[in-house]
């Protein structure tokens, strides 16, 4: 357990930071390509990251080859999944009026904090069924986390399309 805790902390910190920086960099390049495009275009970065995270998470959780291989897949999962932060903040800043930027950022932070309760909720749910073993926990983690990644990708995509629609309507008006 302590080996996992150290590996998870190192992966979360290093791969999460790298992914956030790369996601922000790619989003900035998309935004600053000289074309007149919607800010929503940047949200395709987290769409791709979330969809790529699904098979990586599956491999990290179901990897039976070795602990090290599971950690490699977990690191790859963090590298592709955590790219959402930069593009999301960029779109948030560009989408709200200057007078409401602080409130919007505060709401964003609150939703992130609420999302961080998901692991505790899963643990509570799992603990309620004391007759289940590691296989059921694996299944629970695969289904819930992969479903959340898919839902997140769909919602980022819907937001990207919605932002593009608003930009096109604004150009016409």
C-alpha atoms as a PDB file:
ATOM      1  CA  UNK A   1       0.000   0.000   0.000  1.00  0.00           C
ATOM      2  CA  UNK A   2       2.798   2.447   0.812  1.00  0.00           C
ATOM      3  CA  UNK A   3       4.541   1.677  -2.514  1.00  0.00           C
ATOM      4  CA  UNK A   4       1.297   2.557  -4.306  1.00  0.00           C
ATOM      5  CA  UNK A   5       0.848   5.764  -2.292  1.00  0.00           C
ATOM      6  CA  UNK A   6       4.336   7.001  -3.193  1.00  0.00           C
ATOM      7  CA  UNK A   7       3.955   6.035  -6.873  1.00  0.00           C
ATOM      8  CA  UNK A   8       0.483   7.619  -7.091  1.00  0.00           C
ATOM      9  CA  UNK A   9       1.683  10.854  -5.498  1.00  0.00           C
ATOM     10  CA  UNK A  10       4.662  11.074  -7.866  1.00  0.00           C
ATOM     11  CA  UNK A  11       2.495  10.296 -10.910  1.00  0.00           C
ATOM     12  CA  UNK A  12      -0.233  12.728  -9.907  1.00  0.00           C
ATOM     13  CA  UNK A  13       2.207  15.555  -9.311  1.00  0.00           C
ATOM     14  CA  UNK A  14       4.557  15.090 -12.247  1.00  0.00           C
ATOM     15  CA  UNK A  15       2.200  13.838 -14.958  1.00  0.00           C
ATOM     16  CA  UNK A  16      -0.642  16.092 -13.838  1.00  0.00           C
ATOM     17  CA  UNK A  17       1.556  19.182 -14.068  1.00  0.00           C
ATOM     18  CA  UNK A  18       3.026  18.182 -17.428  1.00  0.00           C
ATOM     19  CA  UNK A  19      -0.419  17.426 -18.852  1.00  0.00           C
ATOM     20  CA  UNK A  20      -1.871  20.707 -17.600  1.00  0.00           C
ATOM     21  CA  UNK A  21       0.981  22.676 -19.152  1.00  0.00           C
ATOM     22  CA  UNK A  22       0.811  20.819 -22.470  1.00  0.00           C
ATOM     23  CA  UNK A  23      -2.990  21.118 -22.599  1.00  0.00           C
ATOM     24  CA  UNK A  24      -2.766  24.857 -21.988  1.00  0.00           C
ATOM     25  CA  UNK A  25      -0.006  25.233 -24.572  1.00  0.00           C
ATOM     26  CA  UNK A  26      -1.998  23.364 -27.239  1.00  0.00           C
ATOM     27  CA  UNK A  27      -5.120  25.380 -26.424  1.00  0.00           C
ATOM     28  CA  UNK A  28      -3.157  28.627 -26.761  1.00  0.00           C
ATOM     29  CA  UNK A  29      -1.818  27.522 -30.153  1.00  0.00           C
ATOM     30  CA  UNK A  30      -5.341  26.674 -31.299  1.00  0.00           C
ATOM     31  CA  UNK A  31      -6.613  30.059 -30.134  1.00  0.00           C
ATOM     32  CA  UNK A  32      -3.742  32.075 -31.575  1.00  0.00           C
ATOM     33  CA  UNK A  33      -3.528  30.525 -35.032  1.00  0.00           C
ATOM     34  CA  UNK A  34      -4.477  33.801 -36.705  1.00  0.00           C
ATOM     35  CA  UNK A  35      -7.996  32.744 -37.648  1.00  0.00           C
ATOM     36  CA  UNK A  36     -11.135  34.251 -36.223  1.00  0.00           C
ATOM     37  CA  UNK A  37     -12.407  31.259 -34.311  1.00  0.00           C
ATOM     38  CA  UNK A  38     -14.515  30.626 -31.279  1.00  0.00           C
ATOM     39  CA  UNK A  39     -12.864  30.142 -27.926  1.00  0.00           C
ATOM     40  CA  UNK A  40     -14.807  26.888 -27.740  1.00  0.00           C
ATOM     41  CA  UNK A  41     -12.365  25.378 -30.213  1.00  0.00           C
ATOM     42  CA  UNK A  42      -9.908  25.049 -27.324  1.00  0.00           C
ATOM     43  CA  UNK A  43     -12.249  22.611 -25.582  1.00  0.00           C
ATOM     44  CA  UNK A  44     -11.485  19.919 -28.151  1.00  0.00           C
ATOM     45  CA  UNK A  45      -8.207  19.414 -26.254  1.00  0.00           C
ATOM     46  CA  UNK A  46      -9.958  17.989 -23.156  1.00  0.00           C
ATOM     47  CA  UNK A  47     -12.393  16.061 -25.385  1.00  0.00           C
ATOM     48  CA  UNK A  48      -9.437  14.202 -26.885  1.00  0.00           C
ATOM     49  CA  UNK A  49      -7.732  13.836 -23.500  1.00  0.00           C
ATOM     50  CA  UNK A  50     -10.813  12.337 -21.852  1.00  0.00           C
ATOM     51  CA  UNK A  51     -11.420   9.857 -24.647  1.00  0.00           C
ATOM     52  CA  UNK A  52      -7.737   8.819 -24.619  1.00  0.00           C
ATOM     53  CA  UNK A  53      -7.872   8.391 -20.834  1.00  0.00           C
ATOM     54  CA  UNK A  54     -10.541   5.676 -21.030  1.00  0.00           C
ATOM     55  CA  UNK A  55      -8.350   2.847 -22.385  1.00  0.00           C
ATOM     56  CA  UNK A  56      -5.410   4.011 -20.258  1.00  0.00           C
ATOM     57  CA  UNK A  57      -7.475   3.835 -17.071  1.00  0.00           C
ATOM     58  CA  UNK A  58      -8.824   0.438 -18.080  1.00  0.00           C
ATOM     59  CA  UNK A  59      -5.281  -0.860 -18.595  1.00  0.00           C
ATOM     60  CA  UNK A  60      -4.066   0.652 -15.306  1.00  0.00           C
ATOM     61  CA  UNK A  61      -6.861  -0.987 -13.328  1.00  0.00           C
ATOM     62  CA  UNK A  62      -6.928  -4.360 -15.074  1.00  0.00           C
ATOM     63  CA  UNK A  63      -3.182  -4.745 -15.650  1.00  0.00           C
ATOM     64  CA  UNK A  64      -2.190  -8.071 -14.139  1.00  0.00           C
ATOM     65  CA  UNK A  65       1.326  -8.211 -15.574  1.00  0.00           C
ATOM     66  CA  UNK A  66       2.922  -6.234 -12.773  1.00  0.00           C
ATOM     67  CA  UNK A  67       2.522  -3.334 -10.406  1.00  0.00           C
ATOM     68  CA  UNK A  68       5.031  -1.393 -12.492  1.00  0.00           C
ATOM     69  CA  UNK A  69       2.970  -1.815 -15.692  1.00  0.00           C
ATOM     70  CA  UNK A  70      -0.147  -0.663 -13.868  1.00  0.00           C
ATOM     71  CA  UNK A  71       1.748   2.460 -12.761  1.00  0.00           C
ATOM     72  CA  UNK A  72       3.003   3.080 -16.326  1.00  0.00           C
ATOM     73  CA  UNK A  73      -0.601   2.996 -17.576  1.00  0.00           C
ATOM     74  CA  UNK A  74      -1.677   5.241 -14.705  1.00  0.00           C
ATOM     75  CA  UNK A  75       1.045   7.737 -15.630  1.00  0.00           C
ATOM     76  CA  UNK A  76      -0.063   7.715 -19.277  1.00  0.00           C
ATOM     77  CA  UNK A  77      -3.650   8.165 -18.136  1.00  0.00           C
ATOM     78  CA  UNK A  78      -2.666  11.263 -16.139  1.00  0.00           C
ATOM     79  CA  UNK A  79      -0.655  12.614 -19.076  1.00  0.00           C
ATOM     80  CA  UNK A  80      -3.659  12.501 -21.397  1.00  0.00           C
ATOM     81  CA  UNK A  81      -6.472  13.198 -18.926  1.00  0.00           C
ATOM     82  CA  UNK A  82      -5.266  16.247 -17.032  1.00  0.00           C
ATOM     83  CA  UNK A  83      -4.912  18.425 -20.136  1.00  0.00           C
ATOM     84  CA  UNK A  84      -8.341  19.944 -19.492  1.00  0.00           C
ATOM     85  CA  UNK A  85      -7.331  22.557 -16.939  1.00  0.00           C
ATOM     86  CA  UNK A  86      -5.593  25.149 -19.143  1.00  0.00           C
ATOM     87  CA  UNK A  87      -8.152  25.120 -21.965  1.00  0.00           C
ATOM     88  CA  UNK A  88     -11.037  25.266 -19.500  1.00  0.00           C
ATOM     89  CA  UNK A  89      -9.650  28.258 -17.612  1.00  0.00           C
ATOM     90  CA  UNK A  90      -8.852  30.016 -20.904  1.00  0.00           C
ATOM     91  CA  UNK A  91     -12.395  29.512 -22.186  1.00  0.00           C
ATOM     92  CA  UNK A  92     -13.851  30.525 -18.831  1.00  0.00           C
ATOM     93  CA  UNK A  93     -11.864  33.771 -18.834  1.00  0.00           C
ATOM     94  CA  UNK A  94     -12.841  34.550 -22.425  1.00  0.00           C
ATOM     95  CA  UNK A  95     -16.509  33.665 -21.970  1.00  0.00           C
ATOM     96  CA  UNK A  96     -17.560  35.685 -18.942  1.00  0.00           C
ATOM     97  CA  UNK A  97     -17.843  39.419 -18.497  1.00  0.00           C
ATOM     98  CA  UNK A  98     -14.961  41.067 -16.693  1.00  0.00           C
ATOM     99  CA  UNK A  99     -17.191  42.021 -13.747  1.00  0.00           C
ATOM    100  CA  UNK A 100     -18.162  38.377 -13.152  1.00  0.00           C
ATOM    101  CA  UNK A 101     -14.752  36.747 -13.675  1.00  0.00           C
ATOM    102  CA  UNK A 102     -14.108  36.273  -9.953  1.00  0.00           C
ATOM    103  CA  UNK A 103     -17.501  34.700  -9.378  1.00  0.00           C
ATOM    104  CA  UNK A 104     -17.072  32.400 -12.377  1.00  0.00           C
ATOM    105  CA  UNK A 105     -13.627  31.335 -11.144  1.00  0.00           C
ATOM    106  CA  UNK A 106     -15.040  30.747  -7.672  1.00  0.00           C
ATOM    107  CA  UNK A 107     -17.824  28.540  -9.044  1.00  0.00           C
ATOM    108  CA  UNK A 108     -15.263  26.644 -11.123  1.00  0.00           C
ATOM    109  CA  UNK A 109     -13.206  25.997  -7.988  1.00  0.00           C
ATOM    110  CA  UNK A 110     -16.270  24.831  -6.041  1.00  0.00           C
ATOM    111  CA  UNK A 111     -17.270  22.376  -8.783  1.00  0.00           C
ATOM    112  CA  UNK A 112     -13.711  21.019  -8.787  1.00  0.00           C
ATOM    113  CA  UNK A 113     -13.848  20.557  -5.023  1.00  0.00           C
ATOM    114  CA  UNK A 114     -17.176  18.742  -5.309  1.00  0.00           C
ATOM    115  CA  UNK A 115     -15.717  16.507  -8.032  1.00  0.00           C
ATOM    116  CA  UNK A 116     -12.916  15.580  -5.657  1.00  0.00           C
ATOM    117  CA  UNK A 117     -15.526  13.997  -3.405  1.00  0.00           C
ATOM    118  CA  UNK A 118     -16.177  11.280  -6.023  1.00  0.00           C
ATOM    119  CA  UNK A 119     -13.464   8.895  -4.733  1.00  0.00           C
ATOM    120  CA  UNK A 120     -14.880   9.154  -1.204  1.00  0.00           C
ATOM    121  CA  UNK A 121     -18.385   8.468  -2.530  1.00  0.00           C
ATOM    122  CA  UNK A 122     -17.122   5.416  -4.421  1.00  0.00           C
ATOM    123  CA  UNK A 123     -15.342   4.187  -1.295  1.00  0.00           C
ATOM    124  CA  UNK A 124     -18.500   4.643   0.759  1.00  0.00           C
ATOM    125  CA  UNK A 125     -20.576   2.801  -1.861  1.00  0.00           C
ATOM    126  CA  UNK A 126     -18.063  -0.048  -2.026  1.00  0.00           C
ATOM    127  CA  UNK A 127     -17.879  -0.297   1.775  1.00  0.00           C
ATOM    128  CA  UNK A 128     -21.656  -0.771   2.011  1.00  0.00           C
ATOM    129  CA  UNK A 129     -21.296  -4.126   0.281  1.00  0.00           C
ATOM    130  CA  UNK A 130     -18.925  -6.084   2.507  1.00  0.00           C
ATOM    131  CA  UNK A 131     -19.346  -9.329   0.549  1.00  0.00           C
ATOM    132  CA  UNK A 132     -17.629  -8.026  -2.558  1.00  0.00           C
ATOM    133  CA  UNK A 133     -14.036  -8.742  -3.452  1.00  0.00           C
ATOM    134  CA  UNK A 134     -11.265  -7.196  -5.531  1.00  0.00           C
ATOM    135  CA  UNK A 135     -12.865  -8.251  -8.827  1.00  0.00           C
ATOM    136  CA  UNK A 136     -16.016  -6.300  -8.005  1.00  0.00           C
ATOM    137  CA  UNK A 137     -13.948  -3.279  -6.961  1.00  0.00           C
ATOM    138  CA  UNK A 138     -12.092  -3.456 -10.271  1.00  0.00           C
ATOM    139  CA  UNK A 139     -15.384  -3.589 -12.141  1.00  0.00           C
ATOM    140  CA  UNK A 140     -16.791  -0.689 -10.112  1.00  0.00           C
ATOM    141  CA  UNK A 141     -13.719   1.455 -10.812  1.00  0.00           C
ATOM    142  CA  UNK A 142     -13.637   0.625 -14.518  1.00  0.00           C
ATOM    143  CA  UNK A 143     -17.331   1.342 -15.039  1.00  0.00           C
ATOM    144  CA  UNK A 144     -17.547   4.520 -12.974  1.00  0.00           C
ATOM    145  CA  UNK A 145     -14.278   6.167 -13.967  1.00  0.00           C
ATOM    146  CA  UNK A 146     -14.514   5.272 -17.663  1.00  0.00           C
ATOM    147  CA  UNK A 147     -18.147   6.459 -17.719  1.00  0.00           C
ATOM    148  CA  UNK A 148     -17.140   9.745 -16.096  1.00  0.00           C
ATOM    149  CA  UNK A 149     -14.378  10.243 -18.675  1.00  0.00           C
ATOM    150  CA  UNK A 150     -16.832   9.560 -21.504  1.00  0.00           C
ATOM    151  CA  UNK A 151     -19.442  11.908 -20.005  1.00  0.00           C
ATOM    152  CA  UNK A 152     -16.802  14.572 -19.473  1.00  0.00           C
ATOM    153  CA  UNK A 153     -15.651  14.293 -23.094  1.00  0.00           C
ATOM    154  CA  UNK A 154     -19.245  14.568 -24.309  1.00  0.00           C
ATOM    155  CA  UNK A 155     -19.903  17.641 -22.144  1.00  0.00           C
ATOM    156  CA  UNK A 156     -16.653  19.332 -23.225  1.00  0.00           C
ATOM    157  CA  UNK A 157     -17.628  18.588 -26.837  1.00  0.00           C
ATOM    158  CA  UNK A 158     -21.119  19.997 -26.344  1.00  0.00           C
ATOM    159  CA  UNK A 159     -19.609  23.115 -24.801  1.00  0.00           C
ATOM    160  CA  UNK A 160     -17.163  23.469 -27.699  1.00  0.00           C
ATOM    161  CA  UNK A 161     -19.976  23.179 -30.238  1.00  0.00           C
ATOM    162  CA  UNK A 162     -22.180  25.543 -28.243  1.00  0.00           C
ATOM    163  CA  UNK A 163     -19.376  28.121 -28.079  1.00  0.00           C
ATOM    164  CA  UNK A 164     -18.844  27.825 -31.828  1.00  0.00           C
ATOM    165  CA  UNK A 165     -22.567  28.299 -32.475  1.00  0.00           C
ATOM    166  CA  UNK A 166     -22.591  31.475 -30.375  1.00  0.00           C
ATOM    167  CA  UNK A 167     -19.580  32.829 -32.238  1.00  0.00           C
ATOM    168  CA  UNK A 168     -21.224  32.203 -35.609  1.00  0.00           C
ATOM    169  CA  UNK A 169     -24.449  33.872 -34.462  1.00  0.00           C
ATOM    170  CA  UNK A 170     -22.451  36.842 -33.169  1.00  0.00           C
ATOM    171  CA  UNK A 171     -20.731  37.240 -36.543  1.00  0.00           C
ATOM    172  CA  UNK A 172     -24.093  37.268 -38.332  1.00  0.00           C
ATOM    173  CA  UNK A 173     -25.691  39.800 -35.970  1.00  0.00           C
END
